[in-house]
């Protein structure tokens, strides 16, 4: 059984755009590259043909994976999010006691995670550590760089 992926509407639309690009731009480009390489003669010694076929295989695997993710995605309704505790799609402001700095994260699916945008995966150590916490909770989280202590200051959408 395939696992459901919970995403924002924005994240779902980005995945659909990526899939459309792969199918309508990349797939035809690779088909043309294979056709051009095939015209150059003996396929058994044609490196261009082999490279194009390999790239086509990777592309088809990427398309299949993205189709599976989209097919198992559930768009979360932001109006139904409970902000009394940290859940997926919440924006949570935390204070890092180690460096005495406040940071706001939005907890999203692994596919949507982008630290530059302040979006962290609910499957990440910080995401897992914050899930279910309420304002005022202090949690110690083990991350690759060591242990950090985060205090939940605010939960919103």
Protein backbone atom coordinates (compact mmCIF):
# COMPACT_ATOMS: atom_id res chain seq x y z
CA UNK A 1 0.00 0.00 0.00
CA UNK A 2 1.34 3.40 -0.99
CA UNK A 3 1.63 6.10 1.63
CA UNK A 4 -0.54 9.22 1.31
CA UNK A 5 1.33 12.51 0.93
CA UNK A 6 -0.28 15.60 2.41
CA UNK A 7 0.50 18.75 0.44
CA UNK A 8 -0.54 22.36 0.09
CA UNK A 9 -2.51 23.44 -2.97
CA UNK A 10 0.61 25.35 -4.09
CA UNK A 11 2.80 22.27 -3.72
CA UNK A 12 0.30 20.11 -5.61
CA UNK A 13 0.18 22.61 -8.48
CA UNK A 14 4.00 22.75 -8.62
CA UNK A 15 4.16 18.96 -8.92
CA UNK A 16 1.57 19.02 -11.72
CA UNK A 17 3.56 21.72 -13.55
CA UNK A 18 6.76 19.69 -13.20
CA UNK A 19 5.02 16.57 -14.55
CA UNK A 20 3.60 18.53 -17.48
CA UNK A 21 7.09 19.90 -18.27
CA UNK A 22 8.68 16.45 -18.12
CA UNK A 23 6.04 14.98 -20.43
CA UNK A 24 5.63 17.84 -22.91
CA UNK A 25 9.22 19.18 -23.11
CA UNK A 26 11.75 16.64 -21.84
CA UNK A 27 10.16 13.50 -23.27
CA UNK A 28 10.00 14.90 -26.86
CA UNK A 29 13.54 16.30 -26.53
CA UNK A 30 14.87 12.86 -25.60
CA UNK A 31 12.88 11.16 -28.36
CA UNK A 32 14.49 13.53 -30.87
CA UNK A 33 17.97 12.90 -29.39
CA UNK A 34 17.43 9.13 -29.72
CA UNK A 35 16.21 9.51 -33.32
CA UNK A 36 19.23 11.66 -34.23
CA UNK A 37 21.64 9.22 -32.62
CA UNK A 38 19.93 6.28 -34.38
CA UNK A 39 20.49 7.98 -37.76
CA UNK A 40 24.25 7.99 -37.15
CA UNK A 41 24.58 4.31 -37.86
CA UNK A 42 25.68 1.25 -35.90
CA UNK A 43 23.83 1.31 -32.56
CA UNK A 44 26.18 -1.17 -30.90
CA UNK A 45 29.01 1.39 -30.90
CA UNK A 46 26.96 4.57 -30.65
CA UNK A 47 27.66 6.32 -27.31
CA UNK A 48 25.18 9.12 -28.05
CA UNK A 49 22.41 6.58 -28.51
CA UNK A 50 23.30 4.75 -25.31
CA UNK A 51 23.44 8.01 -23.33
CA UNK A 52 20.10 9.20 -24.72
CA UNK A 53 18.47 5.83 -23.93
CA UNK A 54 19.86 5.94 -20.37
CA UNK A 55 18.57 9.48 -19.91
CA UNK A 56 15.19 8.40 -21.27
CA UNK A 57 15.06 5.59 -18.70
CA UNK A 58 15.80 8.02 -15.87
CA UNK A 59 13.18 10.44 -17.18
CA UNK A 60 10.51 7.74 -17.38
CA UNK A 61 11.33 6.64 -13.81
CA UNK A 62 11.08 10.25 -12.64
CA UNK A 63 7.71 10.66 -14.41
CA UNK A 64 6.39 7.43 -12.88
CA UNK A 65 7.50 8.48 -9.40
CA UNK A 66 5.92 11.93 -9.73
CA UNK A 67 2.68 10.43 -11.07
CA UNK A 68 2.56 8.10 -8.06
CA UNK A 69 3.14 10.98 -5.62
CA UNK A 70 0.47 13.10 -7.30
CA UNK A 71 -1.94 10.15 -7.35
CA UNK A 72 -1.48 9.60 -3.62
CA UNK A 73 -1.46 13.27 -2.64
CA UNK A 74 -4.13 14.78 -0.48
CA UNK A 75 -4.48 18.55 -0.50
CA UNK A 76 -4.84 19.89 3.00
CA UNK A 77 -7.49 22.52 3.58
CA UNK A 78 -5.82 25.36 5.47
CA UNK A 79 -9.14 26.50 6.95
CA UNK A 80 -9.50 23.16 8.73
CA UNK A 81 -6.09 23.21 10.40
CA UNK A 82 -6.10 23.11 14.19
CA UNK A 83 -3.61 25.73 15.39
CA UNK A 84 -3.84 24.73 19.04
CA UNK A 85 -0.99 22.31 18.40
CA UNK A 86 1.70 21.83 15.76
CA UNK A 87 0.40 19.87 12.77
CA UNK A 88 1.23 19.58 9.07
CA UNK A 89 0.97 22.92 7.24
CA UNK A 90 1.20 24.95 10.45
CA UNK A 91 3.65 27.80 10.63
CA UNK A 92 5.40 27.49 13.95
CA UNK A 93 7.68 30.09 15.49
CA UNK A 94 10.29 28.59 17.78
CA UNK A 95 13.13 29.95 19.86
CA UNK A 96 16.40 28.10 19.56
CA UNK A 97 17.82 28.30 23.08
CA UNK A 98 21.31 27.28 21.95
CA UNK A 99 21.76 30.35 19.74
CA UNK A 100 19.00 32.51 21.30
CA UNK A 101 17.29 33.08 17.95
CA UNK A 102 13.66 32.91 16.79
CA UNK A 103 12.81 31.09 13.56
CA UNK A 104 9.51 30.41 11.83
CA UNK A 105 9.01 27.15 9.94
CA UNK A 106 6.10 25.77 7.98
CA UNK A 107 5.77 22.00 8.32
CA UNK A 108 5.13 20.45 4.91
CA UNK A 109 5.53 17.14 3.07
CA UNK A 110 8.99 15.93 2.07
CA UNK A 111 8.28 16.85 -1.56
CA UNK A 112 7.58 20.50 -0.64
CA UNK A 113 10.39 21.00 1.87
CA UNK A 114 12.65 23.96 1.07
CA UNK A 115 14.68 25.45 3.91
CA UNK A 116 15.30 28.69 1.97
CA UNK A 117 11.53 29.25 2.01
CA UNK A 118 11.25 28.23 5.67
CA UNK A 119 9.48 24.99 4.78
CA UNK A 120 10.67 21.88 6.60
CA UNK A 121 9.51 18.32 6.20
CA UNK A 122 7.28 16.77 8.83
CA UNK A 123 9.56 13.73 8.46
CA UNK A 124 12.71 15.71 9.39
CA UNK A 125 14.07 15.50 12.95
CA UNK A 126 12.84 19.03 13.75
CA UNK A 127 9.48 18.40 12.07
CA UNK A 128 8.95 15.15 13.98
CA UNK A 129 10.05 16.79 17.22
CA UNK A 130 7.59 19.66 16.86
CA UNK A 131 4.50 17.68 15.78
CA UNK A 132 1.82 17.71 18.46
CA UNK A 133 3.50 20.38 20.61
CA UNK A 134 1.63 23.41 21.93
CA UNK A 135 2.69 26.99 22.63
CA UNK A 136 5.07 27.05 25.58
CA UNK A 137 6.41 23.51 25.07
CA UNK A 138 10.18 23.14 25.14
CA UNK A 139 11.56 20.17 23.25
CA UNK A 140 15.05 18.71 22.90
CA UNK A 141 15.63 17.46 19.36
CA UNK A 142 18.53 15.36 18.15
CA UNK A 143 19.78 16.70 14.80
CA UNK A 144 22.89 15.74 12.83
CA UNK A 145 24.80 18.70 14.33
CA UNK A 146 23.93 17.66 17.88
CA UNK A 147 21.10 18.38 20.27
CA UNK A 148 18.99 21.56 20.08
CA UNK A 149 16.41 22.92 22.49
CA UNK A 150 13.43 24.60 20.84
CA UNK A 151 10.60 26.46 22.57
CA UNK A 152 7.29 26.78 20.72
CA UNK A 153 6.35 30.49 20.74
CA UNK A 154 3.52 30.67 18.21
CA UNK A 155 1.46 28.40 15.97
CA UNK A 156 -0.42 29.77 12.96
CA UNK A 157 -1.32 29.23 9.34
